[in-house]
Amino acid sequence: PVGQLVIACLKRLSPHKIIAIDRVPSRLRLAEAQGAAIINFEEHDPVKELKKLTGGKGPNKIIDAVG
């Protein structure tokens, strides 16, 4: 999926953190294997989890890779 390509491209930019949000376990496992923090939105509230992962600030930038 497009999200996996986005993660691979972002890694070349050396961001502080990459966070992937999805509900499909296989895609979440791939994202985690690429070094992304993951959030399953069927199990957790994404807004609360994003705040936890970013020290309460929320993400600086977002890429919506829904096709």
PDB file of N, CA and C in Angstrom:
ATOM      1  N   PRO A   1       0.807  -1.212   0.000  1.00  0.00           N
ATOM      2  CA  PRO A   1       0.000   0.000   0.000  1.00  0.00           C
ATOM      3  C   PRO A   1       0.848   1.274   0.000  1.00  0.00           C
ATOM      4  N   VAL A   2       0.204   2.327  -0.318  1.00  0.00           N
ATOM      5  CA  VAL A   2       0.876   3.620  -0.419  1.00  0.00           C
ATOM      6  C   VAL A   2       1.533   4.009   0.906  1.00  0.00           C
ATOM      7  N   GLY A   3       0.888   3.703   2.006  1.00  0.00           N
ATOM      8  CA  GLY A   3       1.448   4.055   3.316  1.00  0.00           C
ATOM      9  C   GLY A   3       2.821   3.446   3.557  1.00  0.00           C
ATOM     10  N   GLN A   4       3.042   2.223   3.078  1.00  0.00           N
ATOM     11  CA  GLN A   4       4.345   1.584   3.247  1.00  0.00           C
ATOM     12  C   GLN A   4       5.422   2.323   2.457  1.00  0.00           C
ATOM     13  N   LEU A   5       5.068   2.778   1.264  1.00  0.00           N
ATOM     14  CA  LEU A   5       6.002   3.559   0.458  1.00  0.00           C
ATOM     15  C   LEU A   5       6.297   4.902   1.133  1.00  0.00           C
ATOM     16  N   VAL A   6       5.289   5.512   1.697  1.00  0.00           N
ATOM     17  CA  VAL A   6       5.472   6.785   2.393  1.00  0.00           C
ATOM     18  C   VAL A   6       6.452   6.611   3.553  1.00  0.00           C
ATOM     19  N   ILE A   7       6.298   5.544   4.328  1.00  0.00           N
ATOM     20  CA  ILE A   7       7.205   5.295   5.449  1.00  0.00           C
ATOM     21  C   ILE A   7       8.639   5.139   4.938  1.00  0.00           C
ATOM     22  N   ALA A   8       8.818   4.366   3.876  1.00  0.00           N
ATOM     23  CA  ALA A   8      10.165   4.157   3.313  1.00  0.00           C
ATOM     24  C   ALA A   8      10.772   5.482   2.863  1.00  0.00           C
ATOM     25  N   CYS A   9       9.981   6.323   2.212  1.00  0.00           N
ATOM     26  CA  CYS A   9      10.486   7.626   1.752  1.00  0.00           C
ATOM     27  C   CYS A   9      10.801   8.545   2.926  1.00  0.00           C
ATOM     28  N   LEU A  10       9.926   8.556   3.925  1.00  0.00           N
ATOM     29  CA  LEU A  10      10.152   9.427   5.083  1.00  0.00           C
ATOM     30  C   LEU A  10      11.422   9.060   5.835  1.00  0.00           C
ATOM     31  N   LYS A  11      11.728   7.786   5.905  1.00  0.00           N
ATOM     32  CA  LYS A  11      12.939   7.359   6.620  1.00  0.00           C
ATOM     33  C   LYS A  11      14.190   7.996   6.046  1.00  0.00           C
ATOM     34  N   ARG A  12      14.182   8.284   4.755  1.00  0.00           N
ATOM     35  CA  ARG A  12      15.342   8.926   4.123  1.00  0.00           C
ATOM     36  C   ARG A  12      15.507  10.370   4.587  1.00  0.00           C
ATOM     37  N   LEU A  13      14.419  10.959   5.115  1.00  0.00           N
ATOM     38  CA  LEU A  13      14.463  12.339   5.610  1.00  0.00           C
ATOM     39  C   LEU A  13      14.832  12.417   7.089  1.00  0.00           C
ATOM     40  N   SER A  14      15.002  11.277   7.731  1.00  0.00           N
ATOM     41  CA  SER A  14      15.377  11.173   9.147  1.00  0.00           C
ATOM     42  C   SER A  14      14.459  11.964  10.079  1.00  0.00           C
ATOM     43  N   PRO A  15      13.150  11.701  10.032  1.00  0.00           N
ATOM     44  CA  PRO A  15      12.256  12.393  10.963  1.00  0.00           C
ATOM     45  C   PRO A  15      12.467  11.880  12.384  1.00  0.00           C
ATOM     46  N   HIS A  16      12.041  12.663  13.345  1.00  0.00           N
ATOM     47  CA  HIS A  16      12.155  12.255  14.748  1.00  0.00           C
ATOM     48  C   HIS A  16      11.339  10.993  14.999  1.00  0.00           C
ATOM     49  N   LYS A  17      10.131  10.947  14.439  1.00  0.00           N
ATOM     50  CA  LYS A  17       9.256   9.806  14.662  1.00  0.00           C
ATOM     51  C   LYS A  17       8.288   9.678  13.494  1.00  0.00           C
ATOM     52  N   ILE A  18       8.002   8.446  13.113  1.00  0.00           N
ATOM     53  CA  ILE A  18       6.974   8.153  12.118  1.00  0.00           C
ATOM     54  C   ILE A  18       5.910   7.332  12.829  1.00  0.00           C
ATOM     55  N   ILE A  19       4.658   7.727  12.665  1.00  0.00           N
ATOM     56  CA  ILE A  19       3.553   7.026  13.299  1.00  0.00           C
ATOM     57  C   ILE A  19       2.583   6.583  12.206  1.00  0.00           C
ATOM     58  N   ALA A  20       2.274   5.301  12.183  1.00  0.00           N
ATOM     59  CA  ALA A  20       1.332   4.751  11.208  1.00  0.00           C
ATOM     60  C   ALA A  20       0.031   4.385  11.920  1.00  0.00           C
ATOM     61  N   ILE A  21      -1.087   4.777  11.317  1.00  0.00           N
ATOM     62  CA  ILE A  21      -2.400   4.476  11.875  1.00  0.00           C
ATOM     63  C   ILE A  21      -3.164   3.649  10.853  1.00  0.00           C
ATOM     64  N   ASP A  22      -3.680   2.513  11.295  1.00  0.00           N
ATOM     65  CA  ASP A  22      -4.421   1.619  10.404  1.00  0.00           C
ATOM     66  C   ASP A  22      -5.254   0.702  11.283  1.00  0.00           C
ATOM     67  N   ARG A  23      -6.025  -0.169  10.640  1.00  0.00           N
ATOM     68  CA  ARG A  23      -6.791  -1.178  11.372  1.00  0.00           C
ATOM     69  C   ARG A  23      -6.455  -2.587  10.922  1.00  0.00           C
ATOM     70  N   VAL A  24      -5.635  -2.695   9.879  1.00  0.00           N
ATOM     71  CA  VAL A  24      -5.290  -4.004   9.309  1.00  0.00           C
ATOM     72  C   VAL A  24      -3.991  -4.490   9.945  1.00  0.00           C
ATOM     73  N   PRO A  25      -4.061  -5.576  10.720  1.00  0.00           N
ATOM     74  CA  PRO A  25      -2.878  -6.056  11.440  1.00  0.00           C
ATOM     75  C   PRO A  25      -1.648  -6.290  10.562  1.00  0.00           C
ATOM     76  N   SER A  26      -1.819  -6.853   9.379  1.00  0.00           N
ATOM     77  CA  SER A  26      -0.650  -7.131   8.531  1.00  0.00           C
ATOM     78  C   SER A  26       0.033  -5.830   8.104  1.00  0.00           C
ATOM     79  N   ARG A  27      -0.742  -4.800   7.817  1.00  0.00           N
ATOM     80  CA  ARG A  27      -0.139  -3.513   7.431  1.00  0.00           C
ATOM     81  C   ARG A  27       0.524  -2.855   8.634  1.00  0.00           C
ATOM     82  N   LEU A  28      -0.068  -2.997   9.798  1.00  0.00           N
ATOM     83  CA  LEU A  28       0.556  -2.440  11.008  1.00  0.00           C
ATOM     84  C   LEU A  28       1.878  -3.144  11.302  1.00  0.00           C
ATOM     85  N   ARG A  29       1.912  -4.452  11.107  1.00  0.00           N
ATOM     86  CA  ARG A  29       3.171  -5.196  11.328  1.00  0.00           C
ATOM     87  C   ARG A  29       4.247  -4.740  10.354  1.00  0.00           C
ATOM     88  N   LEU A  30       3.878  -4.532   9.089  1.00  0.00           N
ATOM     89  CA  LEU A  30       4.852  -4.044   8.107  1.00  0.00           C
ATOM     90  C   LEU A  30       5.362  -2.657   8.487  1.00  0.00           C
ATOM     91  N   ALA A  31       4.463  -1.791   8.916  1.00  0.00           N
ATOM     92  CA  ALA A  31       4.861  -0.438   9.314  1.00  0.00           C
ATOM     93  C   ALA A  31       5.809  -0.497  10.510  1.00  0.00           C
ATOM     94  N   GLU A  32       5.485  -1.339  11.470  1.00  0.00           N
ATOM     95  CA  GLU A  32       6.343  -1.485  12.652  1.00  0.00           C
ATOM     96  C   GLU A  32       7.709  -2.053  12.259  1.00  0.00           C
ATOM     97  N   ALA A  33       7.725  -2.996  11.330  1.00  0.00           N
ATOM     98  CA  ALA A  33       8.987  -3.574  10.854  1.00  0.00           C
ATOM     99  C   ALA A  33       9.841  -2.522  10.157  1.00  0.00           C
ATOM    100  N   GLN A  34       9.206  -1.500   9.590  1.00  0.00           N
ATOM    101  CA  GLN A  34       9.935  -0.405   8.945  1.00  0.00           C
ATOM    102  C   GLN A  34      10.372   0.652   9.951  1.00  0.00           C
ATOM    103  N   GLY A  35      10.017   0.474  11.218  1.00  0.00           N
ATOM    104  CA  GLY A  35      10.463   1.400  12.247  1.00  0.00           C
ATOM    105  C   GLY A  35       9.429   2.423  12.689  1.00  0.00           C
ATOM    106  N   ALA A  36       8.208   2.315  12.197  1.00  0.00           N
ATOM    107  CA  ALA A  36       7.164   3.264  12.588  1.00  0.00           C
ATOM    108  C   ALA A  36       6.517   2.830  13.901  1.00  0.00           C
ATOM    109  N   ALA A  37       6.114   3.807  14.700  1.00  0.00           N
ATOM    110  CA  ALA A  37       5.228   3.531  15.826  1.00  0.00           C
ATOM    111  C   ALA A  37       3.859   3.275  15.212  1.00  0.00           C
ATOM    112  N   ILE A  38       3.066   2.417  15.818  1.00  0.00           N
ATOM    113  CA  ILE A  38       1.787   2.067  15.198  1.00  0.00           C
ATOM    114  C   ILE A  38       0.619   2.307  16.146  1.00  0.00           C
ATOM    115  N   ILE A  39      -0.526   2.604  15.534  1.00  0.00           N
ATOM    116  CA  ILE A  39      -1.776   2.761  16.268  1.00  0.00           C
ATOM    117  C   ILE A  39      -2.856   2.021  15.485  1.00  0.00           C
ATOM    118  N   ASN A  40      -3.515   1.085  16.144  1.00  0.00           N
ATOM    119  CA  ASN A  40      -4.660   0.413  15.549  1.00  0.00           C
ATOM    120  C   ASN A  40      -5.900   1.193  15.975  1.00  0.00           C
ATOM    121  N   PHE A  41      -6.558   1.863  15.013  1.00  0.00           N
ATOM    122  CA  PHE A  41      -7.657   2.746  15.377  1.00  0.00           C
ATOM    123  C   PHE A  41      -8.928   2.001  15.766  1.00  0.00           C
ATOM    124  N   GLU A  42      -8.957   0.694  15.603  1.00  0.00           N
ATOM    125  CA  GLU A  42     -10.098  -0.078  16.104  1.00  0.00           C
ATOM    126  C   GLU A  42      -9.905  -0.465  17.562  1.00  0.00           C
ATOM    127  N   GLU A  43      -8.680  -0.365  18.047  1.00  0.00           N
ATOM    128  CA  GLU A  43      -8.377  -0.735  19.434  1.00  0.00           C
ATOM    129  C   GLU A  43      -8.098   0.468  20.324  1.00  0.00           C
ATOM    130  N   HIS A  44      -7.673   1.583  19.724  1.00  0.00           N
ATOM    131  CA  HIS A  44      -7.278   2.760  20.505  1.00  0.00           C
ATOM    132  C   HIS A  44      -7.787   4.027  19.840  1.00  0.00           C
ATOM    133  N   ASP A  45      -8.015   5.045  20.641  1.00  0.00           N
ATOM    134  CA  ASP A  45      -8.401   6.359  20.121  1.00  0.00           C
ATOM    135  C   ASP A  45      -7.156   7.005  19.518  1.00  0.00           C
ATOM    136  N   PRO A  46      -7.139   7.231  18.201  1.00  0.00           N
ATOM    137  CA  PRO A  46      -5.936   7.774  17.568  1.00  0.00           C
ATOM    138  C   PRO A  46      -5.498   9.131  18.120  1.00  0.00           C
ATOM    139  N   VAL A  47      -6.436   9.991  18.443  1.00  0.00           N
ATOM    140  CA  VAL A  47      -6.075  11.321  18.956  1.00  0.00           C
ATOM    141  C   VAL A  47      -5.348  11.190  20.291  1.00  0.00           C
ATOM    142  N   LYS A  48      -5.876  10.373  21.188  1.00  0.00           N
ATOM    143  CA  LYS A  48      -5.227  10.165  22.488  1.00  0.00           C
ATOM    144  C   LYS A  48      -3.851   9.528  22.320  1.00  0.00           C
ATOM    145  N   GLU A  49      -3.763   8.538  21.435  1.00  0.00           N
ATOM    146  CA  GLU A  49      -2.481   7.860  21.214  1.00  0.00           C
ATOM    147  C   GLU A  49      -1.452   8.788  20.579  1.00  0.00           C
ATOM    148  N   LEU A  50      -1.888   9.617  19.632  1.00  0.00           N
ATOM    149  CA  LEU A  50      -0.964  10.581  19.018  1.00  0.00           C
ATOM    150  C   LEU A  50      -0.424  11.546  20.059  1.00  0.00           C
ATOM    151  N   LYS A  51      -1.279  11.998  20.947  1.00  0.00           N
ATOM    152  CA  LYS A  51      -0.829  12.910  22.003  1.00  0.00           C
ATOM    153  C   LYS A  51       0.179  12.220  22.922  1.00  0.00           C
ATOM    154  N   LYS A  52      -0.089  10.945  23.248  1.00  0.00           N
ATOM    155  CA  LYS A  52       0.856  10.189  24.090  1.00  0.00           C
ATOM    156  C   LYS A  52       2.212  10.062  23.410  1.00  0.00           C
ATOM    157  N   LEU A  53       2.194   9.729  22.116  1.00  0.00           N
ATOM    158  CA  LEU A  53       3.442   9.493  21.380  1.00  0.00           C
ATOM    159  C   LEU A  53       4.213  10.776  21.072  1.00  0.00           C
ATOM    160  N   THR A  54       3.559  11.925  21.206  1.00  0.00           N
ATOM    161  CA  THR A  54       4.210  13.199  20.859  1.00  0.00           C
ATOM    162  C   THR A  54       4.318  14.142  22.059  1.00  0.00           C
ATOM    163  N   GLY A  55       4.243  13.593  23.246  1.00  0.00           N
ATOM    164  CA  GLY A  55       4.379  14.421  24.437  1.00  0.00           C
ATOM    165  C   GLY A  55       3.267  15.458  24.575  1.00  0.00           C
ATOM    166  N   GLY A  56       2.070  15.136  24.102  1.00  0.00           N
ATOM    167  CA  GLY A  56       0.930  16.024  24.228  1.00  0.00           C
ATOM    168  C   GLY A  56       0.798  17.064  23.130  1.00  0.00           C
ATOM    169  N   LYS A  57       1.761  17.124  22.228  1.00  0.00           N
ATOM    170  CA  LYS A  57       1.767  18.160  21.192  1.00  0.00           C
ATOM    171  C   LYS A  57       0.928  17.791  19.965  1.00  0.00           C
ATOM    172  N   GLY A  58       0.888  16.529  19.633  1.00  0.00           N
ATOM    173  CA  GLY A  58       0.283  16.109  18.376  1.00  0.00           C
ATOM    174  C   GLY A  58       1.327  16.142  17.276  1.00  0.00           C
ATOM    175  N   PRO A  59       1.012  15.562  16.138  1.00  0.00           N
ATOM    176  CA  PRO A  59       1.994  15.489  15.043  1.00  0.00           C
ATOM    177  C   PRO A  59       2.254  16.844  14.401  1.00  0.00           C
ATOM    178  N   ASN A  60       3.472  17.032  13.910  1.00  0.00           N
ATOM    179  CA  ASN A  60       3.825  18.256  13.169  1.00  0.00           C
ATOM    180  C   ASN A  60       3.273  18.221  11.767  1.00  0.00           C
ATOM    181  N   LYS A  61       3.311  17.063  11.140  1.00  0.00           N
ATOM    182  CA  LYS A  61       2.848  16.911   9.770  1.00  0.00           C
ATOM    183  C   LYS A  61       2.100  15.590   9.648  1.00  0.00           C
ATOM    184  N   ILE A  62       1.142  15.555   8.732  1.00  0.00           N
ATOM    185  CA  ILE A  62       0.337  14.357   8.524  1.00  0.00           C
ATOM    186  C   ILE A  62       0.262  14.067   7.031  1.00  0.00           C
ATOM    187  N   ILE A  63       0.404  12.800   6.676  1.00  0.00           N
ATOM    188  CA  ILE A  63       0.195  12.363   5.297  1.00  0.00           C
ATOM    189  C   ILE A  63      -0.943  11.344   5.329  1.00  0.00           C
ATOM    190  N   ASP A  64      -2.005  11.635   4.619  1.00  0.00           N
ATOM    191  CA  ASP A  64      -3.139  10.720   4.535  1.00  0.00           C
ATOM    192  C   ASP A  64      -2.931   9.861   3.289  1.00  0.00           C
ATOM    193  N   ALA A  65      -2.621   8.588   3.490  1.00  0.00           N
ATOM    194  CA  ALA A  65      -2.294   7.695   2.373  1.00  0.00           C
ATOM    195  C   ALA A  65      -3.434   6.720   2.099  1.00  0.00           C
ATOM    196  N   VAL A  66      -4.656   7.202   2.163  1.00  0.00           N
ATOM    197  CA  VAL A  66      -5.822   6.359   1.878  1.00  0.00           C
ATOM    198  C   VAL A  66      -6.088   6.408   0.394  1.00  0.00           C
ATOM    199  N   GLY A  67      -6.173   5.253  -0.231  1.00  0.00           N
ATOM    200  CA  GLY A  67      -6.402   5.210  -1.676  1.00  0.00           C
ATOM    201  C   GLY A  67      -7.802   4.880  -1.942  1.00  0.00           C
TER     202      GLY A  67
END
